[in-house]
Amino acid sequence: MNTLLEIQEAITHLPSKEKDALSAWLSSQAEPVLSAVEEEALLRSLDEAARDLDSGKGVTLDEVRNRMASWAAK
């Protein structure tokens, strides 16, 4: 018997909550797919961010934490 078929059969017997959890986990395992244009834009953005940090622009980790805390409180 094929392992995939065995897995598929076993899934049919799972309760809905476990099927949902399995679905979420499987989705988290998928590798994101970027188009060439999206990948190039991401790389440009990362290069720009690295240059900004190297030149002293940006915020400290503590400031990031403070900002995130204030956003989460909203």
C-alpha atoms as a PDB file:
ATOM      1  CA  MET A   1       0.000   0.000   0.000  1.00  0.00           C
ATOM      2  CA  ASN A   2       1.089   3.569  -0.756  1.00  0.00           C
ATOM      3  CA  THR A   3       2.087   5.651   2.289  1.00  0.00           C
ATOM      4  CA  LEU A   4       0.276   8.708   0.920  1.00  0.00           C
ATOM      5  CA  LEU A   5      -2.922   6.707   0.549  1.00  0.00           C
ATOM      6  CA  GLU A   6      -2.549   5.472   4.131  1.00  0.00           C
ATOM      7  CA  ILE A   7      -2.121   9.014   5.368  1.00  0.00           C
ATOM      8  CA  GLN A   8      -5.103  10.220   3.383  1.00  0.00           C
ATOM      9  CA  GLU A   9      -7.221   7.395   4.789  1.00  0.00           C
ATOM     10  CA  ALA A  10      -6.110   8.156   8.348  1.00  0.00           C
ATOM     11  CA  ILE A  11      -6.984  11.829   7.878  1.00  0.00           C
ATOM     12  CA  THR A  12     -10.567  10.929   7.025  1.00  0.00           C
ATOM     13  CA  HIS A  13     -10.903   9.520  10.552  1.00  0.00           C
ATOM     14  CA  LEU A  14      -9.598  12.621  12.360  1.00  0.00           C
ATOM     15  CA  PRO A  15     -11.965  14.872  14.268  1.00  0.00           C
ATOM     16  CA  SER A  16     -12.564  18.273  12.654  1.00  0.00           C
ATOM     17  CA  LYS A  17     -10.388  20.104  15.191  1.00  0.00           C
ATOM     18  CA  GLU A  18      -7.423  17.840  14.434  1.00  0.00           C
ATOM     19  CA  LYS A  19      -7.994  18.187  10.676  1.00  0.00           C
ATOM     20  CA  ASP A  20      -7.913  21.978  11.119  1.00  0.00           C
ATOM     21  CA  ALA A  21      -4.676  21.746  13.114  1.00  0.00           C
ATOM     22  CA  LEU A  22      -3.146  19.468  10.479  1.00  0.00           C
ATOM     23  CA  SER A  23      -4.212  21.834   7.713  1.00  0.00           C
ATOM     24  CA  ALA A  24      -2.652  24.805   9.503  1.00  0.00           C
ATOM     25  CA  TRP A  25       0.568  22.878  10.063  1.00  0.00           C
ATOM     26  CA  LEU A  26       0.752  21.770   6.426  1.00  0.00           C
ATOM     27  CA  SER A  27       0.209  25.354   5.290  1.00  0.00           C
ATOM     28  CA  SER A  28       3.050  26.501   7.536  1.00  0.00           C
ATOM     29  CA  GLN A  29       5.373  24.038   5.822  1.00  0.00           C
ATOM     30  CA  ALA A  30       4.861  25.478   2.346  1.00  0.00           C
ATOM     31  CA  GLU A  31       7.727  27.563   1.033  1.00  0.00           C
ATOM     32  CA  PRO A  32       6.701  31.024  -0.066  1.00  0.00           C
ATOM     33  CA  VAL A  33       6.871  31.562  -3.785  1.00  0.00           C
ATOM     34  CA  LEU A  34       8.029  34.926  -5.044  1.00  0.00           C
ATOM     35  CA  SER A  35       7.977  36.047  -8.618  1.00  0.00           C
ATOM     36  CA  ALA A  36      11.240  37.341 -10.049  1.00  0.00           C
ATOM     37  CA  VAL A  37       9.901  40.896  -9.755  1.00  0.00           C
ATOM     38  CA  GLU A  38       8.861  40.375  -6.109  1.00  0.00           C
ATOM     39  CA  GLU A  39      12.213  38.812  -5.252  1.00  0.00           C
ATOM     40  CA  GLU A  40      14.115  41.695  -6.860  1.00  0.00           C
ATOM     41  CA  ALA A  41      11.984  44.239  -4.973  1.00  0.00           C
ATOM     42  CA  LEU A  42      12.581  42.411  -1.704  1.00  0.00           C
ATOM     43  CA  LEU A  43      16.331  42.298  -2.261  1.00  0.00           C
ATOM     44  CA  ARG A  44      16.419  46.011  -3.115  1.00  0.00           C
ATOM     45  CA  SER A  45      14.446  46.779   0.031  1.00  0.00           C
ATOM     46  CA  LEU A  46      16.782  44.690   2.175  1.00  0.00           C
ATOM     47  CA  ASP A  47      19.836  46.368   0.629  1.00  0.00           C
ATOM     48  CA  GLU A  48      18.344  49.784   1.365  1.00  0.00           C
ATOM     49  CA  ALA A  49      17.562  48.782   4.959  1.00  0.00           C
ATOM     50  CA  ALA A  50      21.130  47.508   5.442  1.00  0.00           C
ATOM     51  CA  ARG A  51      22.542  50.800   4.092  1.00  0.00           C
ATOM     52  CA  ASP A  52      20.265  52.784   6.416  1.00  0.00           C
ATOM     53  CA  LEU A  53      21.392  50.785   9.427  1.00  0.00           C
ATOM     54  CA  ASP A  54      25.044  51.099   8.440  1.00  0.00           C
ATOM     55  CA  SER A  55      24.664  54.884   8.215  1.00  0.00           C
ATOM     56  CA  GLY A  56      23.134  55.104  11.679  1.00  0.00           C
ATOM     57  CA  LYS A  57      19.517  55.434  10.635  1.00  0.00           C
ATOM     58  CA  GLY A  58      16.972  53.264  12.325  1.00  0.00           C
ATOM     59  CA  VAL A  59      15.884  52.522  15.862  1.00  0.00           C
ATOM     60  CA  THR A  60      17.244  50.417  18.679  1.00  0.00           C
ATOM     61  CA  LEU A  61      15.793  47.056  19.605  1.00  0.00           C
ATOM     62  CA  ASP A  62      14.367  48.596  22.786  1.00  0.00           C
ATOM     63  CA  GLU A  63      12.575  51.227  20.712  1.00  0.00           C
ATOM     64  CA  VAL A  64      11.144  48.512  18.461  1.00  0.00           C
ATOM     65  CA  ARG A  65       9.863  46.663  21.520  1.00  0.00           C
ATOM     66  CA  ASN A  66       8.288  49.844  22.892  1.00  0.00           C
ATOM     67  CA  ARG A  67       6.597  50.606  19.590  1.00  0.00           C
ATOM     68  CA  MET A  68       5.291  47.054  19.258  1.00  0.00           C
ATOM     69  CA  ALA A  69       3.917  47.180  22.797  1.00  0.00           C
ATOM     70  CA  SER A  70       2.052  50.401  22.027  1.00  0.00           C
ATOM     71  CA  TRP A  71       0.663  48.932  18.782  1.00  0.00           C
ATOM     72  CA  ALA A  72      -0.492  45.784  20.544  1.00  0.00           C
ATOM     73  CA  ALA A  73      -2.269  47.873  23.190  1.00  0.00           C
ATOM     74  CA  LYS A  74      -4.436  49.577  20.543  1.00  0.00           C
END
